[in-house]
Amino acid sequence: MTSIVPPNDRDIDLVAIVLRPGMYAVRVRLWAVGPDGHAKTLVRIDRWNGHVDRPYLVDPPFRLARGTRLSLETVAENAVLAQRSTPQAVLLVADAPASAQPEPTTPKEIAATSLPAGPATAAFLASAVDCGKDDARQLATPLVPATVYREVFGVDPEPRTGPTQAAGLTWFEAVDLCNELSRRAGLQPAYRVEFAERNGTRLISAVVTPLGGSGWRLPSETEWTGTFDCREGLSGVLWNWTSDAEGSARIVRGGCWADAAGTQGRNARSSAPPATRNELFGARLVRTPAGR
């Protein structure tokens, strides 16, 4: 079983590793693939004996350049036992020195350091429309379809039972998707994701900080309402995650196909914990057009 993590969004130094491959693992390997395609094995244990949470110090710290992908490969005693495990690797990292990672003084578009957009992703981004006027202009996408989720993360979203091809996903996954689509489009990611907990490629929880910039992001409630009229199928299909919070929950707008008739639309509003995994919660994305 191999789990692949989306690329990191900045230079970081790896200082320690804790492996949690599961109680049935017999062999484990963690490796990094840099933005130049060069692979480096970080830890390899050919006879895993279950010493969970033992830290492996990285001395000196190993630089993971921006755009590096990590892969965790585990081998279990047999295929049945492999399906019962959820392998994880916990990394202790530090930000690279400021001199090695200069911050731009103003947000700007940058060269992509991730995989190029696949056909589903390219078509999805090309379908964005220019909404609003003057200072309120935003590019707005339709709901993220299951084909894009699968193309970016390599796994299927929540199983669908309703009349939609849109992907059901958590707020954390929507943020992760925004950053990955931004990278593939050569844009500055809109979020910093720290202290991330993942299940394979799925982001389970994290500390998320908005960065601004030119990348794709979740709309605020104001942006969601402002782009309502120009985006067909905006509401009533899936609840739309927004960037706004209500306590520890995140605001969702628009309603979904499972709600009572007449309750969907511009005024439909609720909230849910950001880790809510349900086919009824999806996302559409916005970004500020260049030159605005």
C-alpha atoms as a PDB file:
ATOM      1  CA  MET A   1       0.000   0.000   0.000  1.00  0.00           C
ATOM      2  CA  THR A   2       1.405   3.409  -1.007  1.00  0.00           C
ATOM      3  CA  SER A   3       0.085   6.746   0.250  1.00  0.00           C
ATOM      4  CA  ILE A   4       1.110   9.924  -1.583  1.00  0.00           C
ATOM      5  CA  VAL A   5       0.854  13.358   0.022  1.00  0.00           C
ATOM      6  CA  PRO A   6       0.284  16.522  -2.053  1.00  0.00           C
ATOM      7  CA  PRO A   7       3.414  18.683  -2.426  1.00  0.00           C
ATOM      8  CA  ASN A   8       4.409  21.017   0.404  1.00  0.00           C
ATOM      9  CA  ASP A   9       3.775  24.694  -0.314  1.00  0.00           C
ATOM     10  CA  ARG A  10       7.049  26.107   1.047  1.00  0.00           C
ATOM     11  CA  ASP A  11      10.618  25.102   1.893  1.00  0.00           C
ATOM     12  CA  ILE A  12      10.796  23.183   5.191  1.00  0.00           C
ATOM     13  CA  ASP A  13      13.474  21.324   7.127  1.00  0.00           C
ATOM     14  CA  LEU A  14      12.668  17.778   8.266  1.00  0.00           C
ATOM     15  CA  VAL A  15      14.064  17.141  11.765  1.00  0.00           C
ATOM     16  CA  ALA A  16      12.295  13.955  12.952  1.00  0.00           C
ATOM     17  CA  ILE A  17       9.973  11.191  11.731  1.00  0.00           C
ATOM     18  CA  VAL A  18       7.492   9.007  13.606  1.00  0.00           C
ATOM     19  CA  LEU A  19       6.206   6.024  11.615  1.00  0.00           C
ATOM     20  CA  ARG A  20       2.752   4.557  12.219  1.00  0.00           C
ATOM     21  CA  PRO A  21       2.335   1.960   9.463  1.00  0.00           C
ATOM     22  CA  GLY A  22      -0.217  -0.110  11.379  1.00  0.00           C
ATOM     23  CA  MET A  23      -0.006  -3.199  13.556  1.00  0.00           C
ATOM     24  CA  TYR A  24       0.048  -5.589  10.579  1.00  0.00           C
ATOM     25  CA  ALA A  25       2.964  -3.982   8.727  1.00  0.00           C
ATOM     26  CA  VAL A  26       6.124  -6.004   8.127  1.00  0.00           C
ATOM     27  CA  ARG A  27       8.018  -3.508   5.951  1.00  0.00           C
ATOM     28  CA  VAL A  28       7.870   0.274   5.598  1.00  0.00           C
ATOM     29  CA  ARG A  29       9.566   2.950   3.526  1.00  0.00           C
ATOM     30  CA  LEU A  30       9.156   6.735   3.436  1.00  0.00           C
ATOM     31  CA  TRP A  31      10.668   8.688   0.561  1.00  0.00           C
ATOM     32  CA  ALA A  32      10.566  12.163  -0.933  1.00  0.00           C
ATOM     33  CA  VAL A  33      10.393  13.224  -4.576  1.00  0.00           C
ATOM     34  CA  GLY A  34      11.653  16.761  -5.114  1.00  0.00           C
ATOM     35  CA  PRO A  35      10.246  19.226  -7.660  1.00  0.00           C
ATOM     36  CA  ASP A  36      13.089  18.203  -9.993  1.00  0.00           C
ATOM     37  CA  GLY A  37      11.910  14.567  -9.902  1.00  0.00           C
ATOM     38  CA  HIS A  38      14.849  13.331  -7.818  1.00  0.00           C
ATOM     39  CA  ALA A  39      13.813  10.663  -5.254  1.00  0.00           C
ATOM     40  CA  LYS A  40      15.402  10.304  -1.806  1.00  0.00           C
ATOM     41  CA  THR A  41      14.637   7.520   0.704  1.00  0.00           C
ATOM     42  CA  LEU A  42      14.181   9.043   4.158  1.00  0.00           C
ATOM     43  CA  VAL A  43      13.481   5.896   6.218  1.00  0.00           C
ATOM     44  CA  ARG A  44      13.456   2.235   5.198  1.00  0.00           C
ATOM     45  CA  ILE A  45      12.776  -0.630   7.615  1.00  0.00           C
ATOM     46  CA  ASP A  46      12.715  -4.092   6.056  1.00  0.00           C
ATOM     47  CA  ARG A  47      11.644  -5.850   9.271  1.00  0.00           C
ATOM     48  CA  TRP A  48       9.102  -3.702  11.048  1.00  0.00           C
ATOM     49  CA  ASN A  49       8.568  -4.894  14.609  1.00  0.00           C
ATOM     50  CA  GLY A  50       5.792  -2.589  15.769  1.00  0.00           C
ATOM     51  CA  HIS A  51       7.823   0.034  17.631  1.00  0.00           C
ATOM     52  CA  VAL A  52       5.111   2.646  17.179  1.00  0.00           C
ATOM     53  CA  ASP A  53       5.831   6.323  17.960  1.00  0.00           C
ATOM     54  CA  ARG A  54       9.573   5.858  18.135  1.00  0.00           C
ATOM     55  CA  PRO A  55      11.068   9.066  16.697  1.00  0.00           C
ATOM     56  CA  TYR A  56      13.777   8.835  14.066  1.00  0.00           C
ATOM     57  CA  LEU A  57      15.915  11.969  14.256  1.00  0.00           C
ATOM     58  CA  VAL A  58      17.112  13.523  11.014  1.00  0.00           C
ATOM     59  CA  ASP A  59      20.546  14.981  11.753  1.00  0.00           C
ATOM     60  CA  PRO A  60      21.373  17.228  10.069  1.00  0.00           C
ATOM     61  CA  PRO A  61      17.842  18.340   9.089  1.00  0.00           C
ATOM     62  CA  PHE A  62      16.865  17.402   5.548  1.00  0.00           C
ATOM     63  CA  ARG A  63      15.583  20.207   3.323  1.00  0.00           C
ATOM     64  CA  LEU A  64      12.232  19.475   1.654  1.00  0.00           C
ATOM     65  CA  ALA A  65      12.048  22.052  -1.111  1.00  0.00           C
ATOM     66  CA  ARG A  66       8.738  23.630  -2.053  1.00  0.00           C
ATOM     67  CA  GLY A  67       6.848  21.220  -4.299  1.00  0.00           C
ATOM     68  CA  THR A  68       8.311  18.058  -2.730  1.00  0.00           C
ATOM     69  CA  ARG A  69       5.960  15.070  -2.493  1.00  0.00           C
ATOM     70  CA  LEU A  70       6.231  12.432   0.232  1.00  0.00           C
ATOM     71  CA  SER A  71       5.232   8.801  -0.261  1.00  0.00           C
ATOM     72  CA  LEU A  72       4.731   6.185   2.453  1.00  0.00           C
ATOM     73  CA  GLU A  73       4.887   2.546   1.324  1.00  0.00           C
ATOM     74  CA  THR A  74       3.879  -0.275   3.666  1.00  0.00           C
ATOM     75  CA  VAL A  75       3.758  -4.037   3.176  1.00  0.00           C
ATOM     76  CA  ALA A  76       1.500  -6.132   5.412  1.00  0.00           C
ATOM     77  CA  GLU A  77       1.484  -9.856   6.116  1.00  0.00           C
ATOM     78  CA  ASN A  78      -1.214 -10.341   3.481  1.00  0.00           C
ATOM     79  CA  ALA A  79      -3.699  -8.373   1.359  1.00  0.00           C
ATOM     80  CA  VAL A  80      -6.561  -8.771   3.858  1.00  0.00           C
ATOM     81  CA  LEU A  81      -4.535  -7.326   6.732  1.00  0.00           C
ATOM     82  CA  ALA A  82      -3.310  -4.509   4.506  1.00  0.00           C
ATOM     83  CA  GLN A  83      -6.904  -3.302   4.107  1.00  0.00           C
ATOM     84  CA  ARG A  84      -7.312  -3.081   7.888  1.00  0.00           C
ATOM     85  CA  SER A  85      -4.485  -0.594   8.322  1.00  0.00           C
ATOM     86  CA  THR A  86      -4.331   3.180   7.947  1.00  0.00           C
ATOM     87  CA  PRO A  87      -0.598   3.903   7.595  1.00  0.00           C
ATOM     88  CA  GLN A  88       0.647   7.285   8.788  1.00  0.00           C
ATOM     89  CA  ALA A  89       3.926   9.132   9.158  1.00  0.00           C
ATOM     90  CA  VAL A  90       4.180  12.084  11.547  1.00  0.00           C
ATOM     91  CA  LEU A  91       6.847  14.603  10.594  1.00  0.00           C
ATOM     92  CA  LEU A  92       8.480  17.176  12.836  1.00  0.00           C
ATOM     93  CA  VAL A  93       9.510  20.061  10.607  1.00  0.00           C
ATOM     94  CA  ALA A  94      10.793  23.620  10.852  1.00  0.00           C
ATOM     95  CA  ASP A  95      10.441  26.472   8.401  1.00  0.00           C
ATOM     96  CA  ALA A  96      13.510  26.999   6.276  1.00  0.00           C
ATOM     97  CA  PRO A  97      15.631  30.056   7.190  1.00  0.00           C
ATOM     98  CA  ALA A  98      14.206  33.283   5.830  1.00  0.00           C
ATOM     99  CA  SER A  99      17.283  33.815   3.678  1.00  0.00           C
ATOM    100  CA  ALA A 100      16.526  30.554   1.848  1.00  0.00           C
ATOM    101  CA  GLN A 101      12.868  31.444   1.327  1.00  0.00           C
ATOM    102  CA  PRO A 102      12.399  35.103   0.432  1.00  0.00           C
ATOM    103  CA  GLU A 103       8.813  36.293   0.716  1.00  0.00           C
ATOM    104  CA  PRO A 104       7.403  38.345  -2.169  1.00  0.00           C
ATOM    105  CA  THR A 105       6.477  41.897  -1.198  1.00  0.00           C
ATOM    106  CA  THR A 106       3.242  41.669  -3.175  1.00  0.00           C
ATOM    107  CA  PRO A 107       1.157  38.685  -4.281  1.00  0.00           C
ATOM    108  CA  LYS A 108       2.102  37.550  -7.761  1.00  0.00           C
ATOM    109  CA  GLU A 109       1.705  34.627 -10.078  1.00  0.00           C
ATOM    110  CA  ILE A 110       4.512  32.071  -9.889  1.00  0.00           C
ATOM    111  CA  ALA A 111       5.639  29.128 -11.951  1.00  0.00           C
ATOM    112  CA  ALA A 112       3.918  25.870 -11.063  1.00  0.00           C
ATOM    113  CA  THR A 113       6.044  23.360  -9.178  1.00  0.00           C
ATOM    114  CA  SER A 114       3.422  20.628  -9.183  1.00  0.00           C
ATOM    115  CA  LEU A 115       1.962  18.231 -11.692  1.00  0.00           C
ATOM    116  CA  PRO A 116       0.380  19.807 -14.771  1.00  0.00           C
ATOM    117  CA  ALA A 117      -3.401  19.948 -14.844  1.00  0.00           C
ATOM    118  CA  GLY A 118      -5.003  16.771 -16.220  1.00  0.00           C
ATOM    119  CA  PRO A 119      -7.823  16.947 -18.782  1.00  0.00           C
ATOM    120  CA  ALA A 120     -10.650  17.050 -16.207  1.00  0.00           C
ATOM    121  CA  THR A 121      -8.868  19.674 -14.120  1.00  0.00           C
ATOM    122  CA  ALA A 122      -7.982  21.819 -17.147  1.00  0.00           C
ATOM    123  CA  ALA A 123     -11.587  21.744 -18.387  1.00  0.00           C
ATOM    124  CA  PHE A 124     -12.866  22.610 -14.909  1.00  0.00           C
ATOM    125  CA  LEU A 125     -10.587  25.643 -14.540  1.00  0.00           C
ATOM    126  CA  ALA A 126     -11.407  26.789 -18.081  1.00  0.00           C
ATOM    127  CA  SER A 127     -15.117  26.771 -17.169  1.00  0.00           C
ATOM    128  CA  ALA A 128     -14.671  29.569 -14.612  1.00  0.00           C
ATOM    129  CA  VAL A 129     -16.656  32.706 -15.478  1.00  0.00           C
ATOM    130  CA  ASP A 130     -16.021  36.368 -14.696  1.00  0.00           C
ATOM    131  CA  CYS A 131     -18.615  37.520 -12.168  1.00  0.00           C
ATOM    132  CA  GLY A 132     -19.346  40.873 -10.599  1.00  0.00           C
ATOM    133  CA  LYS A 133     -18.255  44.369 -11.523  1.00  0.00           C
ATOM    134  CA  ASP A 134     -15.244  46.582 -10.927  1.00  0.00           C
ATOM    135  CA  ASP A 135     -13.647  45.945  -7.505  1.00  0.00           C
ATOM    136  CA  ALA A 136     -16.093  43.092  -6.800  1.00  0.00           C
ATOM    137  CA  ARG A 137     -15.083  41.042  -9.860  1.00  0.00           C
ATOM    138  CA  GLN A 138     -14.242  37.390  -9.227  1.00  0.00           C
ATOM    139  CA  LEU A 139     -13.595  34.357 -11.385  1.00  0.00           C
ATOM    140  CA  ALA A 140     -15.992  31.648 -10.178  1.00  0.00           C
ATOM    141  CA  THR A 141     -16.014  27.919 -10.964  1.00  0.00           C
ATOM    142  CA  PRO A 142     -18.951  25.531 -10.910  1.00  0.00           C
ATOM    143  CA  LEU A 143     -19.085  22.904  -8.178  1.00  0.00           C
ATOM    144  CA  VAL A 144     -15.970  20.743  -8.083  1.00  0.00           C
ATOM    145  CA  PRO A 145     -16.852  17.520  -9.951  1.00  0.00           C
ATOM    146  CA  ALA A 146     -15.862  14.048  -8.806  1.00  0.00           C
ATOM    147  CA  THR A 147     -13.592  13.700 -11.860  1.00  0.00           C
ATOM    148  CA  VAL A 148     -11.411  16.605 -10.694  1.00  0.00           C
ATOM    149  CA  TYR A 149     -11.236  15.299  -7.113  1.00  0.00           C
ATOM    150  CA  ARG A 150     -10.130  11.911  -8.428  1.00  0.00           C
ATOM    151  CA  GLU A 151      -7.583  13.414 -10.821  1.00  0.00           C
ATOM    152  CA  VAL A 152      -5.976  15.598  -8.134  1.00  0.00           C
ATOM    153  CA  PHE A 153      -6.030  13.284  -5.110  1.00  0.00           C
ATOM    154  CA  GLY A 154      -5.895   9.888  -6.819  1.00  0.00           C
ATOM    155  CA  VAL A 155      -8.885   8.554  -4.859  1.00  0.00           C
ATOM    156  CA  ASP A 156     -12.655   8.788  -5.178  1.00  0.00           C
ATOM    157  CA  PRO A 157     -14.706  11.329  -3.195  1.00  0.00           C
ATOM    158  CA  GLU A 158     -17.685  10.321  -1.082  1.00  0.00           C
ATOM    159  CA  PRO A 159     -19.997   7.827  -2.852  1.00  0.00           C
ATOM    160  CA  ARG A 160     -22.873   9.635  -4.551  1.00  0.00           C
ATOM    161  CA  THR A 161     -26.528   8.643  -4.241  1.00  0.00           C
ATOM    162  CA  GLY A 162     -28.069  11.877  -5.513  1.00  0.00           C
ATOM    163  CA  PRO A 163     -28.553  13.389  -8.989  1.00  0.00           C
ATOM    164  CA  THR A 164     -25.201  15.160  -9.260  1.00  0.00           C
ATOM    165  CA  GLN A 165     -21.670  14.587 -10.499  1.00  0.00           C
ATOM    166  CA  ALA A 166     -20.263  17.069  -7.975  1.00  0.00           C
ATOM    167  CA  ALA A 167     -17.776  15.804  -5.393  1.00  0.00           C
ATOM    168  CA  GLY A 168     -18.724  15.545  -1.737  1.00  0.00           C
ATOM    169  CA  LEU A 169     -15.761  16.718   0.323  1.00  0.00           C
ATOM    170  CA  THR A 170     -14.761  18.232   3.658  1.00  0.00           C
ATOM    171  CA  TRP A 171     -13.787  21.878   4.191  1.00  0.00           C
ATOM    172  CA  PHE A 172     -10.182  20.770   4.746  1.00  0.00           C
ATOM    173  CA  GLU A 173     -10.185  18.846   1.466  1.00  0.00           C
ATOM    174  CA  ALA A 174     -11.628  21.896  -0.300  1.00  0.00           C
ATOM    175  CA  VAL A 175      -8.766  24.050   1.028  1.00  0.00           C
ATOM    176  CA  ASP A 176      -6.229  21.414  -0.023  1.00  0.00           C
ATOM    177  CA  LEU A 177      -7.820  21.259  -3.473  1.00  0.00           C
ATOM    178  CA  CYS A 178      -7.653  25.052  -3.820  1.00  0.00           C
ATOM    179  CA  ASN A 179      -3.903  25.024  -3.167  1.00  0.00           C
ATOM    180  CA  GLU A 180      -3.225  22.115  -5.503  1.00  0.00           C
ATOM    181  CA  LEU A 181      -5.270  23.624  -8.351  1.00  0.00           C
ATOM    182  CA  SER A 182      -3.444  26.921  -7.833  1.00  0.00           C
ATOM    183  CA  ARG A 183      -0.079  25.183  -8.156  1.00  0.00           C
ATOM    184  CA  ARG A 184      -1.148  23.378 -11.303  1.00  0.00           C
ATOM    185  CA  ALA A 185      -2.307  26.687 -12.786  1.00  0.00           C
ATOM    186  CA  GLY A 186       0.932  28.476 -11.834  1.00  0.00           C
ATOM    187  CA  LEU A 187      -0.729  30.649  -9.178  1.00  0.00           C
ATOM    188  CA  GLN A 188       0.270  31.568  -5.629  1.00  0.00           C
ATOM    189  CA  PRO A 189      -1.592  29.201  -3.213  1.00  0.00           C
ATOM    190  CA  ALA A 190      -4.204  31.023  -1.137  1.00  0.00           C
ATOM    191  CA  TYR A 191      -3.627  29.050   2.086  1.00  0.00           C
ATOM    192  CA  ARG A 192      -0.821  27.963   4.362  1.00  0.00           C
ATOM    193  CA  VAL A 193      -1.553  24.469   5.710  1.00  0.00           C
ATOM    194  CA  GLU A 194       0.334  23.532   8.904  1.00  0.00           C
ATOM    195  CA  PHE A 195       0.241  20.661  11.413  1.00  0.00           C
ATOM    196  CA  ALA A 196      -1.583  18.601   8.796  1.00  0.00           C
ATOM    197  CA  GLU A 197      -3.101  15.211   9.610  1.00  0.00           C
ATOM    198  CA  ARG A 198      -3.728  13.062   6.565  1.00  0.00           C
ATOM    199  CA  ASN A 199      -5.261   9.751   5.666  1.00  0.00           C
ATOM    200  CA  GLY A 200      -3.393   8.938   2.496  1.00  0.00           C
ATOM    201  CA  THR A 201      -3.879  11.987   0.258  1.00  0.00           C
ATOM    202  CA  ARG A 202      -6.952  13.204   2.156  1.00  0.00           C
ATOM    203  CA  LEU A 203      -6.430  16.146   4.515  1.00  0.00           C
ATOM    204  CA  ILE A 204      -8.189  15.274   7.794  1.00  0.00           C
ATOM    205  CA  SER A 205      -7.309  18.339   9.865  1.00  0.00           C
ATOM    206  CA  ALA A 206      -4.820  21.199   9.862  1.00  0.00           C
ATOM    207  CA  VAL A 207      -4.146  24.757  10.930  1.00  0.00           C
ATOM    208  CA  VAL A 208      -5.135  26.813   7.883  1.00  0.00           C
ATOM    209  CA  THR A 209      -4.010  30.414   7.377  1.00  0.00           C
ATOM    210  CA  PRO A 210      -5.249  32.538   4.441  1.00  0.00           C
ATOM    211  CA  LEU A 211      -2.371  34.094   2.501  1.00  0.00           C
ATOM    212  CA  GLY A 212      -4.137  36.220  -0.079  1.00  0.00           C
ATOM    213  CA  GLY A 213      -2.474  36.116  -3.468  1.00  0.00           C
ATOM    214  CA  SER A 214      -3.730  35.081  -6.867  1.00  0.00           C
ATOM    215  CA  GLY A 215      -4.711  31.464  -6.180  1.00  0.00           C
ATOM    216  CA  TRP A 216      -8.050  29.688  -6.011  1.00  0.00           C
ATOM    217  CA  ARG A 217      -9.878  29.885  -2.692  1.00  0.00           C
ATOM    218  CA  LEU A 218     -13.244  29.279  -1.073  1.00  0.00           C
ATOM    219  CA  PRO A 219     -15.552  32.293  -1.350  1.00  0.00           C
ATOM    220  CA  SER A 220     -16.545  34.372   1.623  1.00  0.00           C
ATOM    221  CA  GLU A 221     -20.302  34.651   2.168  1.00  0.00           C
ATOM    222  CA  THR A 222     -20.191  38.059   0.497  1.00  0.00           C
ATOM    223  CA  GLU A 223     -18.355  36.646  -2.523  1.00  0.00           C
ATOM    224  CA  TRP A 224     -20.696  33.660  -2.650  1.00  0.00           C
ATOM    225  CA  THR A 225     -23.726  35.956  -2.789  1.00  0.00           C
ATOM    226  CA  GLY A 226     -22.035  38.331  -5.236  1.00  0.00           C
ATOM    227  CA  THR A 227     -21.374  35.573  -7.749  1.00  0.00           C
ATOM    228  CA  PHE A 228     -24.762  33.875  -7.274  1.00  0.00           C
ATOM    229  CA  ASP A 229     -26.518  35.045 -10.425  1.00  0.00           C
ATOM    230  CA  CYS A 230     -23.746  34.340 -12.941  1.00  0.00           C
ATOM    231  CA  ARG A 231     -23.129  30.728 -11.973  1.00  0.00           C
ATOM    232  CA  GLU A 232     -25.847  28.297 -13.074  1.00  0.00           C
ATOM    233  CA  GLY A 233     -26.351  25.336 -10.769  1.00  0.00           C
ATOM    234  CA  LEU A 234     -24.891  27.355  -7.916  1.00  0.00           C
ATOM    235  CA  SER A 235     -27.365  26.259  -5.261  1.00  0.00           C
ATOM    236  CA  GLY A 236     -29.650  23.375  -4.511  1.00  0.00           C
ATOM    237  CA  VAL A 237     -27.174  20.733  -5.686  1.00  0.00           C
ATOM    238  CA  LEU A 238     -24.753  20.522  -2.753  1.00  0.00           C
ATOM    239  CA  TRP A 239     -24.176  22.786   0.224  1.00  0.00           C
ATOM    240  CA  ASN A 240     -21.260  25.079  -0.701  1.00  0.00           C
ATOM    241  CA  TRP A 241     -18.402  25.486   1.786  1.00  0.00           C
ATOM    242  CA  THR A 242     -17.324  29.092   2.360  1.00  0.00           C
ATOM    243  CA  SER A 243     -14.286  30.633   4.032  1.00  0.00           C
ATOM    244  CA  ASP A 244     -16.349  32.179   6.825  1.00  0.00           C
ATOM    245  CA  ALA A 245     -16.587  30.643  10.284  1.00  0.00           C
ATOM    246  CA  GLU A 246     -19.223  30.485  12.989  1.00  0.00           C
ATOM    247  CA  GLY A 247     -17.379  29.452  16.116  1.00  0.00           C
ATOM    248  CA  SER A 248     -15.408  26.333  15.213  1.00  0.00           C
ATOM    249  CA  ALA A 249     -17.802  25.492  12.344  1.00  0.00           C
ATOM    250  CA  ARG A 250     -17.710  26.731   8.761  1.00  0.00           C
ATOM    251  CA  ILE A 251     -20.594  28.437   6.979  1.00  0.00           C
ATOM    252  CA  VAL A 252     -22.238  26.582   4.093  1.00  0.00           C
ATOM    253  CA  ARG A 253     -24.630  28.154   1.615  1.00  0.00           C
ATOM    254  CA  GLY A 254     -27.163  27.236  -1.041  1.00  0.00           C
ATOM    255  CA  GLY A 255     -28.805  24.050   0.237  1.00  0.00           C
ATOM    256  CA  CYS A 256     -28.669  20.637  -1.412  1.00  0.00           C
ATOM    257  CA  TRP A 257     -30.758  18.166  -3.371  1.00  0.00           C
ATOM    258  CA  ALA A 258     -31.765  16.275  -0.198  1.00  0.00           C
ATOM    259  CA  ASP A 259     -33.374  19.336   1.419  1.00  0.00           C
ATOM    260  CA  ALA A 260     -37.100  20.025   1.289  1.00  0.00           C
ATOM    261  CA  ALA A 261     -38.321  21.641  -1.920  1.00  0.00           C
ATOM    262  CA  GLY A 262     -38.232  25.432  -1.771  1.00  0.00           C
ATOM    263  CA  THR A 263     -35.554  25.634   0.918  1.00  0.00           C
ATOM    264  CA  GLN A 264     -32.585  25.846  -1.446  1.00  0.00           C
ATOM    265  CA  GLY A 265     -31.259  29.024  -2.993  1.00  0.00           C
ATOM    266  CA  ARG A 266     -29.663  32.375  -2.251  1.00  0.00           C
ATOM    267  CA  ASN A 267     -30.953  32.550   1.325  1.00  0.00           C
ATOM    268  CA  ALA A 268     -30.152  28.980   2.363  1.00  0.00           C
ATOM    269  CA  ARG A 269     -27.517  29.123   5.102  1.00  0.00           C
ATOM    270  CA  SER A 270     -26.189  26.699   7.691  1.00  0.00           C
ATOM    271  CA  SER A 271     -22.906  25.633   9.285  1.00  0.00           C
ATOM    272  CA  ALA A 272     -20.979  22.405   9.814  1.00  0.00           C
ATOM    273  CA  PRO A 273     -17.679  21.254  11.364  1.00  0.00           C
ATOM    274  CA  PRO A 274     -14.890  21.552   8.767  1.00  0.00           C
ATOM    275  CA  ALA A 275     -14.089  17.826   8.958  1.00  0.00           C
ATOM    276  CA  THR A 276     -17.662  16.844   7.997  1.00  0.00           C
ATOM    277  CA  ARG A 277     -17.413  14.134   5.337  1.00  0.00           C
ATOM    278  CA  ASN A 278     -20.706  13.833   3.486  1.00  0.00           C
ATOM    279  CA  GLU A 279     -21.841  13.643  -0.127  1.00  0.00           C
ATOM    280  CA  LEU A 280     -24.095  16.675   0.506  1.00  0.00           C
ATOM    281  CA  PHE A 281     -21.214  19.153   1.056  1.00  0.00           C
ATOM    282  CA  GLY A 282     -19.252  20.407  -1.940  1.00  0.00           C
ATOM    283  CA  ALA A 283     -17.325  23.459  -3.058  1.00  0.00           C
ATOM    284  CA  ARG A 284     -17.040  25.949  -5.820  1.00  0.00           C
ATOM    285  CA  LEU A 285     -14.009  28.190  -5.981  1.00  0.00           C
ATOM    286  CA  VAL A 286     -13.197  31.821  -6.696  1.00  0.00           C
ATOM    287  CA  ARG A 287     -10.123  33.896  -7.349  1.00  0.00           C
ATOM    288  CA  THR A 288      -9.354  37.508  -8.123  1.00  0.00           C
ATOM    289  CA  PRO A 289      -8.655  38.112 -11.842  1.00  0.00           C
ATOM    290  CA  ALA A 290      -5.199  39.332 -12.778  1.00  0.00           C
ATOM    291  CA  GLY A 291      -4.973  43.115 -12.943  1.00  0.00           C
ATOM    292  CA  ARG A 292      -7.788  43.818 -10.536  1.00  0.00           C
END
